[in-house]
Amino acid sequence: MRYRGLYDPKGELFAYLDGLVLYSLDSEPSGRIENDFIVDADGNKIWRIFNDGVYSLDSMEAVGYLTDGAPEDR
């Protein structure tokens, strides 16, 4: 399986993807990717994905970015 880290704009890891599922650093599922969005467990859109950037829904404010590679604590 391919993991991708989700980092905030300051470069701090705060979540990761395992396939299409988003996990917190406590390994709790917190959402998933659907089309170009990250949605919560109920399917509500949380963030927009554009290339490797993750942005708020109501503006192009950067929430963070996705990178290749697994978190080291996994």
N, C-alpha and C. Protein backbone atom coordinates (compact mmCIF):
# COMPACT_ATOMS: atom_id res chain seq x y z
N MET A 1 0.84 -1.18 0.00
CA MET A 1 0.00 0.00 0.00
C MET A 1 0.89 1.24 0.00
N ARG A 2 0.44 2.26 -0.65
CA ARG A 2 1.20 3.50 -0.76
C ARG A 2 0.65 4.53 0.23
N TYR A 3 1.51 5.08 1.05
CA TYR A 3 1.13 6.09 2.03
C TYR A 3 1.56 7.46 1.55
N ARG A 4 0.78 8.48 1.93
CA ARG A 4 1.14 9.87 1.63
C ARG A 4 0.91 10.67 2.89
N GLY A 5 1.90 11.50 3.24
CA GLY A 5 1.76 12.37 4.39
C GLY A 5 0.99 13.62 4.03
N LEU A 6 0.23 14.16 4.98
CA LEU A 6 -0.45 15.44 4.83
C LEU A 6 0.20 16.40 5.82
N TYR A 7 0.86 17.41 5.27
CA TYR A 7 1.64 18.36 6.06
C TYR A 7 0.97 19.73 6.04
N ASP A 8 1.08 20.46 7.15
CA ASP A 8 0.56 21.82 7.18
C ASP A 8 1.53 22.74 6.45
N PRO A 9 1.16 24.01 6.22
CA PRO A 9 2.05 24.92 5.48
C PRO A 9 3.42 25.14 6.13
N LYS A 10 3.55 24.86 7.42
CA LYS A 10 4.84 25.01 8.11
C LYS A 10 5.70 23.75 7.99
N GLY A 11 5.14 22.71 7.37
CA GLY A 11 5.90 21.48 7.16
C GLY A 11 5.73 20.43 8.23
N GLU A 12 4.73 20.57 9.09
CA GLU A 12 4.49 19.59 10.16
C GLU A 12 3.45 18.57 9.70
N LEU A 13 3.79 17.30 9.86
CA LEU A 13 2.86 16.22 9.52
C LEU A 13 1.69 16.23 10.48
N PHE A 14 0.44 16.22 9.96
CA PHE A 14 -0.71 16.16 10.86
C PHE A 14 -1.70 15.06 10.50
N ALA A 15 -1.50 14.40 9.37
CA ALA A 15 -2.36 13.28 8.98
C ALA A 15 -1.66 12.53 7.85
N TYR A 16 -2.21 11.38 7.48
CA TYR A 16 -1.64 10.64 6.34
C TYR A 16 -2.74 9.86 5.64
N LEU A 17 -2.48 9.56 4.40
CA LEU A 17 -3.40 8.77 3.58
C LEU A 17 -2.86 7.36 3.43
N ASP A 18 -3.73 6.41 3.58
CA ASP A 18 -3.45 5.00 3.28
C ASP A 18 -4.44 4.65 2.18
N GLY A 19 -3.97 4.66 0.94
CA GLY A 19 -4.89 4.52 -0.18
C GLY A 19 -5.72 5.78 -0.29
N LEU A 20 -7.03 5.67 -0.16
CA LEU A 20 -7.92 6.82 -0.23
C LEU A 20 -8.44 7.26 1.14
N VAL A 21 -8.02 6.58 2.21
CA VAL A 21 -8.51 6.88 3.56
C VAL A 21 -7.51 7.78 4.29
N LEU A 22 -8.04 8.86 4.90
CA LEU A 22 -7.23 9.80 5.67
C LEU A 22 -7.26 9.39 7.14
N TYR A 23 -6.07 9.33 7.75
CA TYR A 23 -5.93 8.95 9.16
C TYR A 23 -5.27 10.09 9.93
N SER A 24 -5.67 10.23 11.20
CA SER A 24 -4.96 11.13 12.11
C SER A 24 -3.63 10.48 12.48
N LEU A 25 -2.78 11.21 13.17
CA LEU A 25 -1.50 10.63 13.61
C LEU A 25 -1.70 9.56 14.67
N ASP A 26 -2.91 9.48 15.25
CA ASP A 26 -3.25 8.41 16.20
C ASP A 26 -3.80 7.19 15.49
N SER A 27 -3.68 7.17 14.14
CA SER A 27 -4.14 6.06 13.30
C SER A 27 -5.65 5.87 13.33
N GLU A 28 -6.39 6.95 13.62
CA GLU A 28 -7.85 6.92 13.57
C GLU A 28 -8.32 7.42 12.22
N PRO A 29 -9.20 6.70 11.53
CA PRO A 29 -9.71 7.20 10.24
C PRO A 29 -10.49 8.50 10.47
N SER A 30 -10.20 9.51 9.66
CA SER A 30 -10.87 10.81 9.84
C SER A 30 -11.51 11.31 8.56
N GLY A 31 -11.34 10.60 7.47
CA GLY A 31 -11.95 11.02 6.22
C GLY A 31 -11.44 10.16 5.08
N ARG A 32 -11.75 10.62 3.86
CA ARG A 32 -11.30 9.88 2.68
C ARG A 32 -11.30 10.84 1.48
N ILE A 33 -10.67 10.40 0.41
CA ILE A 33 -10.66 11.19 -0.81
C ILE A 33 -11.81 10.74 -1.70
N GLU A 34 -12.58 11.71 -2.16
CA GLU A 34 -13.63 11.48 -3.17
C GLU A 34 -13.44 12.54 -4.24
N ASN A 35 -13.16 12.10 -5.45
CA ASN A 35 -12.88 13.01 -6.56
C ASN A 35 -11.76 13.96 -6.17
N ASP A 36 -11.98 15.25 -6.18
CA ASP A 36 -10.94 16.23 -5.84
C ASP A 36 -11.15 16.83 -4.46
N PHE A 37 -11.74 16.05 -3.54
CA PHE A 37 -12.05 16.55 -2.21
C PHE A 37 -11.65 15.54 -1.15
N ILE A 38 -11.38 16.05 0.05
CA ILE A 38 -11.30 15.21 1.24
C ILE A 38 -12.63 15.39 1.94
N VAL A 39 -13.29 14.28 2.25
CA VAL A 39 -14.59 14.31 2.90
C VAL A 39 -14.50 13.63 4.26
N ASP A 40 -15.40 13.97 5.18
CA ASP A 40 -15.42 13.33 6.48
C ASP A 40 -16.15 11.99 6.39
N ALA A 41 -16.33 11.34 7.53
CA ALA A 41 -16.95 10.00 7.54
C ALA A 41 -18.39 10.02 7.02
N ASP A 42 -19.06 11.17 7.11
CA ASP A 42 -20.43 11.29 6.63
C ASP A 42 -20.52 11.71 5.17
N GLY A 43 -19.37 11.91 4.53
CA GLY A 43 -19.35 12.30 3.12
C GLY A 43 -19.42 13.80 2.89
N ASN A 44 -19.32 14.60 3.96
CA ASN A 44 -19.32 16.06 3.83
C ASN A 44 -17.95 16.54 3.38
N LYS A 45 -17.92 17.40 2.38
CA LYS A 45 -16.65 17.93 1.88
C LYS A 45 -15.99 18.80 2.95
N ILE A 46 -14.69 18.54 3.17
CA ILE A 46 -13.93 19.30 4.16
C ILE A 46 -12.94 20.22 3.46
N TRP A 47 -12.14 19.65 2.55
CA TRP A 47 -11.09 20.38 1.85
C TRP A 47 -11.09 20.01 0.38
N ARG A 48 -10.54 20.91 -0.43
CA ARG A 48 -10.38 20.70 -1.87
C ARG A 48 -8.92 20.31 -2.13
N ILE A 49 -8.71 19.38 -3.08
CA ILE A 49 -7.36 18.97 -3.47
C ILE A 49 -7.10 19.49 -4.89
N PHE A 50 -5.97 20.14 -5.06
CA PHE A 50 -5.53 20.59 -6.38
C PHE A 50 -4.06 20.25 -6.51
N ASN A 51 -3.73 19.36 -7.45
CA ASN A 51 -2.38 18.79 -7.56
C ASN A 51 -2.04 18.18 -6.20
N ASP A 52 -0.96 18.59 -5.55
CA ASP A 52 -0.61 18.06 -4.23
C ASP A 52 -1.02 19.00 -3.11
N GLY A 53 -1.68 20.10 -3.45
CA GLY A 53 -2.12 21.06 -2.44
C GLY A 53 -3.50 20.73 -1.89
N VAL A 54 -3.70 21.04 -0.62
CA VAL A 54 -4.99 20.85 0.04
C VAL A 54 -5.45 22.24 0.49
N TYR A 55 -6.67 22.62 0.11
CA TYR A 55 -7.16 23.98 0.31
C TYR A 55 -8.53 23.99 0.97
N SER A 56 -8.84 25.11 1.63
CA SER A 56 -10.18 25.27 2.20
C SER A 56 -11.21 25.31 1.08
N LEU A 57 -12.46 25.03 1.42
CA LEU A 57 -13.52 24.99 0.40
C LEU A 57 -13.94 26.37 -0.06
N ASP A 58 -13.94 27.34 0.84
CA ASP A 58 -14.48 28.66 0.51
C ASP A 58 -13.45 29.64 -0.05
N SER A 59 -12.20 29.23 -0.08
CA SER A 59 -11.16 30.09 -0.65
C SER A 59 -10.01 29.20 -1.10
N MET A 60 -8.97 29.81 -1.57
CA MET A 60 -7.79 29.03 -1.93
C MET A 60 -6.75 29.09 -0.81
N GLU A 61 -7.21 29.23 0.43
CA GLU A 61 -6.30 29.22 1.57
C GLU A 61 -5.71 27.82 1.72
N ALA A 62 -4.40 27.75 1.78
CA ALA A 62 -3.72 26.46 1.87
C ALA A 62 -3.89 25.86 3.26
N VAL A 63 -4.37 24.62 3.28
CA VAL A 63 -4.47 23.85 4.51
C VAL A 63 -3.18 23.06 4.68
N GLY A 64 -2.61 22.60 3.56
CA GLY A 64 -1.40 21.82 3.60
C GLY A 64 -1.11 21.23 2.24
N TYR A 65 -0.27 20.21 2.24
CA TYR A 65 0.11 19.56 0.99
C TYR A 65 0.39 18.08 1.24
N LEU A 66 0.21 17.29 0.22
CA LEU A 66 0.44 15.85 0.27
C LEU A 66 1.81 15.52 -0.29
N THR A 67 2.49 14.59 0.35
CA THR A 67 3.79 14.13 -0.13
C THR A 67 3.80 12.62 -0.20
N ASP A 68 4.75 12.07 -0.92
CA ASP A 68 4.92 10.62 -0.96
C ASP A 68 5.65 10.18 0.30
N GLY A 69 5.42 8.95 0.67
CA GLY A 69 6.14 8.38 1.81
C GLY A 69 5.26 8.21 3.01
N ALA A 70 5.60 7.20 3.81
CA ALA A 70 4.83 6.86 5.00
C ALA A 70 5.35 7.63 6.21
N PRO A 71 4.46 7.91 7.17
CA PRO A 71 4.93 8.47 8.43
C PRO A 71 5.84 7.47 9.11
N GLU A 72 6.86 7.95 9.79
CA GLU A 72 7.85 7.05 10.39
C GLU A 72 7.30 6.24 11.54
N ASP A 73 6.29 6.74 12.24
CA ASP A 73 5.76 6.06 13.42
C ASP A 73 4.76 4.97 13.10
N ARG A 74 4.49 4.71 11.86
CA ARG A 74 3.48 3.74 11.45
C ARG A 74 3.89 2.35 11.83
